[in-house]
N, C-alpha and C. Protein backbone atom coordinates (compact mmCIF):
# COMPACT_ATOMS: atom_id res chain seq x y z
N MET A 1 -32.68 -3.19 -8.18
CA MET A 1 -31.84 -3.45 -7.04
C MET A 1 -31.84 -5.21 -7.77
N SER A 2 -30.39 -5.76 -7.56
CA SER A 2 -30.22 -6.92 -8.08
C SER A 2 -30.41 -7.69 -7.32
N SER A 3 -30.07 -8.89 -7.65
CA SER A 3 -30.85 -10.25 -6.63
C SER A 3 -29.61 -10.13 -5.77
N ALA A 4 -28.44 -10.19 -5.99
CA ALA A 4 -27.28 -10.56 -4.75
C ALA A 4 -27.86 -9.26 -3.53
N ALA A 5 -28.43 -8.36 -3.96
CA ALA A 5 -28.41 -7.43 -3.06
C ALA A 5 -29.64 -7.31 -2.41
N ALA A 6 -30.51 -8.20 -3.23
CA ALA A 6 -31.88 -8.42 -2.37
C ALA A 6 -31.83 -9.51 -1.43
N LYS A 7 -31.08 -10.44 -1.59
CA LYS A 7 -30.47 -11.58 -0.85
C LYS A 7 -30.02 -11.09 0.30
N LEU A 8 -29.10 -10.31 0.07
CA LEU A 8 -28.28 -9.52 1.51
C LEU A 8 -29.34 -8.55 2.06
N GLN A 9 -30.47 -8.11 1.78
CA GLN A 9 -31.16 -7.38 2.65
C GLN A 9 -32.13 -7.97 2.95
N SER A 10 -32.57 -9.32 2.70
CA SER A 10 -33.25 -10.30 3.19
C SER A 10 -32.71 -11.10 4.70
N ILE A 11 -31.23 -10.89 4.78
CA ILE A 11 -30.69 -11.48 6.05
C ILE A 11 -30.09 -10.41 6.53
N PRO A 12 -31.14 -9.82 7.99
CA PRO A 12 -30.97 -8.53 8.55
C PRO A 12 -29.02 -8.65 9.14
N PHE A 13 -28.81 -9.83 9.87
CA PHE A 13 -27.55 -9.55 10.37
C PHE A 13 -26.43 -9.36 9.34
N LEU A 14 -26.59 -9.76 8.39
CA LEU A 14 -25.37 -9.04 7.45
C LEU A 14 -25.30 -7.51 7.16
N THR A 15 -26.37 -7.12 7.33
CA THR A 15 -26.53 -5.54 6.94
C THR A 15 -26.04 -5.00 8.35
N ASP A 16 -26.26 -5.42 9.50
CA ASP A 16 -26.18 -4.77 10.65
C ASP A 16 -24.67 -4.85 11.17
N LYS A 17 -24.06 -3.37 11.28
CA LYS A 17 -23.00 -3.33 11.31
C LYS A 17 -22.24 -3.50 12.77
N ASN A 18 -23.19 -3.41 13.66
CA ASN A 18 -23.07 -4.09 15.22
C ASN A 18 -22.76 -5.28 15.33
N ASN A 19 -23.23 -6.00 14.55
CA ASN A 19 -22.89 -7.52 14.23
C ASN A 19 -21.56 -7.67 13.79
N PRO A 20 -20.76 -8.71 14.25
CA PRO A 20 -19.47 -9.12 13.76
C PRO A 20 -19.08 -9.23 12.31
N ILE A 21 -20.38 -10.19 12.07
CA ILE A 21 -20.34 -10.63 10.39
C ILE A 21 -21.18 -9.59 9.67
N GLY A 22 -21.86 -8.92 10.42
CA GLY A 22 -22.45 -7.93 9.34
C GLY A 22 -21.30 -6.51 9.37
N TRP A 23 -20.45 -6.46 10.05
CA TRP A 23 -19.72 -5.65 10.17
C TRP A 23 -18.52 -6.05 8.97
N CYS A 24 -18.03 -7.14 9.14
CA CYS A 24 -17.24 -7.89 7.99
C CYS A 24 -17.89 -7.66 6.53
N VAL A 25 -18.93 -8.11 6.40
CA VAL A 25 -19.90 -8.08 5.40
C VAL A 25 -19.77 -6.63 4.80
N GLN A 26 -20.43 -5.62 5.38
CA GLN A 26 -20.47 -4.53 5.12
C GLN A 26 -19.20 -3.50 4.97
N GLY A 27 -18.32 -3.97 5.24
CA GLY A 27 -16.84 -3.43 5.13
C GLY A 27 -16.30 -4.13 3.97
N SER A 28 -16.22 -5.22 3.74
CA SER A 28 -16.04 -5.61 2.12
C SER A 28 -16.90 -5.22 1.06
N ILE A 29 -18.10 -4.72 1.21
CA ILE A 29 -18.84 -4.41 0.12
C ILE A 29 -18.32 -3.11 -0.13
N GLU A 30 -18.13 -2.08 1.04
CA GLU A 30 -17.69 -0.60 0.90
C GLU A 30 -16.38 -0.92 0.21
N PHE A 31 -15.87 -1.80 0.85
CA PHE A 31 -13.89 -1.93 0.08
C PHE A 31 -14.11 -1.97 -1.21
N ALA A 32 -14.91 -2.68 -1.66
CA ALA A 32 -15.30 -3.21 -3.35
C ALA A 32 -15.59 -2.19 -3.80
N ALA A 33 -16.92 -1.61 -3.52
CA ALA A 33 -17.39 -0.50 -4.17
C ALA A 33 -16.24 1.09 -4.03
N ASP A 34 -15.18 1.09 -2.90
CA ASP A 34 -14.12 1.99 -3.32
C ASP A 34 -13.56 1.69 -4.44
N SER A 35 -12.97 0.49 -4.22
CA SER A 35 -12.12 0.07 -5.34
C SER A 35 -12.47 0.16 -6.37
N ARG A 36 -13.91 -0.42 -6.88
CA ARG A 36 -13.97 -0.37 -8.21
C ARG A 36 -14.23 1.32 -8.52
N ARG A 37 -14.60 2.33 -7.94
CA ARG A 37 -14.49 3.67 -8.15
C ARG A 37 -13.03 4.05 -8.58
N LEU A 38 -12.46 3.83 -7.60
CA LEU A 38 -10.67 3.92 -8.07
C LEU A 38 -10.22 3.60 -9.31
N VAL A 39 -9.88 2.40 -9.63
CA VAL A 39 -10.14 1.83 -10.78
C VAL A 39 -10.67 2.22 -11.90
N GLN A 40 -11.75 3.16 -12.17
CA GLN A 40 -12.69 3.34 -12.85
C GLN A 40 -11.94 5.00 -13.29
N ARG A 41 -11.55 5.43 -12.11
CA ARG A 41 -10.83 6.78 -12.19
C ARG A 41 -9.68 6.79 -12.54
N CYS A 42 -8.58 6.17 -12.49
CA CYS A 42 -7.15 5.79 -13.02
C CYS A 42 -7.14 5.67 -14.24
N THR A 43 -6.35 6.55 -14.62
CA THR A 43 -5.49 6.64 -16.27
C THR A 43 -4.37 5.92 -16.64
N LYS A 44 -3.79 5.56 -17.44
CA LYS A 44 -2.84 5.52 -17.90
C LYS A 44 -1.51 6.22 -17.94
N PRO A 45 -0.56 6.35 -17.23
CA PRO A 45 0.47 7.75 -17.53
C PRO A 45 0.79 7.87 -18.99
N ASP A 46 1.10 8.88 -19.47
CA ASP A 46 1.60 9.29 -20.83
C ASP A 46 3.27 9.06 -20.59
N ALA A 47 3.89 9.13 -21.85
CA ALA A 47 5.27 8.80 -22.01
C ALA A 47 5.79 9.90 -20.86
N LYS A 48 5.71 11.17 -20.92
CA LYS A 48 6.22 12.21 -20.19
C LYS A 48 5.98 12.03 -18.54
N GLU A 49 4.69 11.72 -18.05
CA GLU A 49 4.38 11.39 -16.88
C GLU A 49 5.39 10.16 -16.34
N PHE A 50 5.50 9.37 -17.38
CA PHE A 50 5.81 8.16 -16.76
C PHE A 50 7.66 7.92 -16.56
N LYS A 51 7.90 8.87 -17.51
CA LYS A 51 9.44 9.45 -17.43
C LYS A 51 9.68 10.01 -16.09
N LYS A 52 8.96 11.10 -15.98
CA LYS A 52 9.17 11.81 -14.48
C LYS A 52 8.97 11.18 -13.39
N ILE A 53 7.97 10.10 -13.46
CA ILE A 53 8.19 9.03 -12.31
C ILE A 53 9.17 8.30 -12.51
N ALA A 54 9.64 7.67 -13.00
CA ALA A 54 11.29 6.86 -13.52
C ALA A 54 12.17 7.49 -12.66
N VAL A 55 12.40 8.73 -13.23
CA VAL A 55 13.41 9.43 -12.93
C VAL A 55 13.52 9.64 -11.53
N ALA A 56 12.11 10.22 -10.58
CA ALA A 56 12.24 10.64 -9.17
C ALA A 56 12.54 9.00 -8.50
N CYS A 57 12.08 8.16 -9.07
CA CYS A 57 12.21 6.87 -8.62
C CYS A 57 13.63 6.53 -8.57
N ALA A 58 14.55 6.83 -9.63
CA ALA A 58 15.51 6.42 -9.74
C ALA A 58 16.40 7.14 -8.71
N ILE A 59 16.03 8.39 -8.67
CA ILE A 59 17.02 9.44 -7.48
C ILE A 59 16.56 8.92 -6.17
N GLY A 60 15.54 8.41 -5.72
CA GLY A 60 15.17 7.98 -4.42
C GLY A 60 16.03 6.83 -4.33
N PHE A 61 16.27 5.87 -5.30
CA PHE A 61 17.29 5.02 -4.74
C PHE A 61 18.38 5.18 -4.81
N SER A 62 18.84 5.98 -5.78
CA SER A 62 20.32 6.68 -5.79
C SER A 62 20.36 7.05 -3.97
N ILE A 63 19.74 7.87 -3.50
CA ILE A 63 19.84 9.01 -2.55
C ILE A 63 20.08 7.66 -1.21
N MET A 64 19.16 6.42 -1.31
CA MET A 64 18.89 5.69 -0.04
C MET A 64 19.95 4.66 -0.32
N GLY A 65 20.74 4.56 -1.45
CA GLY A 65 21.78 3.54 -1.79
C GLY A 65 23.00 4.16 -0.65
N PHE A 66 23.17 5.50 -1.32
CA PHE A 66 24.07 6.28 -1.02
C PHE A 66 24.11 6.62 0.69
N ILE A 67 23.06 6.51 1.34
CA ILE A 67 22.81 6.88 2.78
C ILE A 67 23.36 5.46 3.54
N GLY A 68 23.17 4.19 2.58
CA GLY A 68 22.84 2.98 3.10
C GLY A 68 24.73 2.38 3.34
N TYR A 69 25.36 3.13 2.11
CA TYR A 69 26.60 2.75 2.07
C TYR A 69 27.29 3.74 3.03
N THR A 70 26.93 4.80 2.96
CA THR A 70 27.76 5.94 4.07
C THR A 70 27.66 5.09 5.44
N VAL A 71 26.17 5.14 5.98
CA VAL A 71 26.31 4.51 7.19
C VAL A 71 26.90 3.06 7.62
N LYS A 72 27.21 2.30 6.39
CA LYS A 72 28.02 0.95 6.65
C LYS A 72 29.27 1.51 6.71
N LEU A 73 29.76 2.34 5.80
CA LEU A 73 31.08 2.80 5.80
C LEU A 73 31.78 3.32 7.06
N VAL A 74 30.76 4.11 7.67
CA VAL A 74 30.99 4.83 9.07
C VAL A 74 31.07 3.34 10.17
N PHE A 75 29.95 3.11 10.21
CA PHE A 75 29.96 1.77 11.52
C PHE A 75 30.78 0.62 11.14
N ILE A 76 31.75 0.34 10.14
CA ILE A 76 32.28 -0.99 10.02
C ILE A 76 33.70 -0.32 10.92
N PRO A 77 34.08 1.00 10.97
CA PRO A 77 35.39 1.24 12.06
C PRO A 77 34.78 0.93 13.36
N ILE A 78 33.68 1.34 13.64
CA ILE A 78 33.31 2.03 14.97
C ILE A 78 33.11 0.18 15.81
N ASN A 79 32.46 -0.65 14.60
CA ASN A 79 32.09 -2.00 15.14
C ASN A 79 33.64 -2.34 15.69
N ASN A 80 34.32 -2.27 14.69
CA ASN A 80 36.05 -3.19 15.08
C ASN A 80 36.36 -2.50 16.24
N ILE A 81 36.31 -1.34 16.48
CA ILE A 81 36.83 -0.51 17.64
C ILE A 81 36.04 -1.22 18.89
N ILE A 82 34.75 -1.13 19.10
CA ILE A 82 33.87 -1.63 20.10
C ILE A 82 34.15 -3.17 20.32
N VAL A 83 34.17 -4.31 19.09
CA VAL A 83 34.36 -5.49 19.53
C VAL A 83 36.20 -5.92 19.40
N GLY A 84 36.78 -4.84 19.42
CA GLY A 84 38.44 -5.30 19.57
C GLY A 84 38.74 -5.96 18.14
N GLY A 85 38.77 -5.84 16.96
CA GLY A 85 38.98 -6.52 16.11
C GLY A 85 40.42 -7.16 16.11
N GLN A 86 40.84 -7.97 15.29
CA GLN A 86 42.44 -8.86 15.51
C GLN A 86 43.27 -8.28 14.71
């Protein structure tokens, strides 16, 4: 057991999840452990996987841009009718 863990165990309200301070401390410790585990398991994508992700993102951006342009194109005349453009 490390000295930090031993110090933490010696202060009981920091390890009690029913105590608000203990809830924050224990939540932080669990988050740090989960984050460390995630980073250790992550791997850098190879060129093929990176290209696949980049293409998927580009297609998504294009679709969202087209939808935004279409909505804007449709609502400009509708807005002019409602407001009574000059």
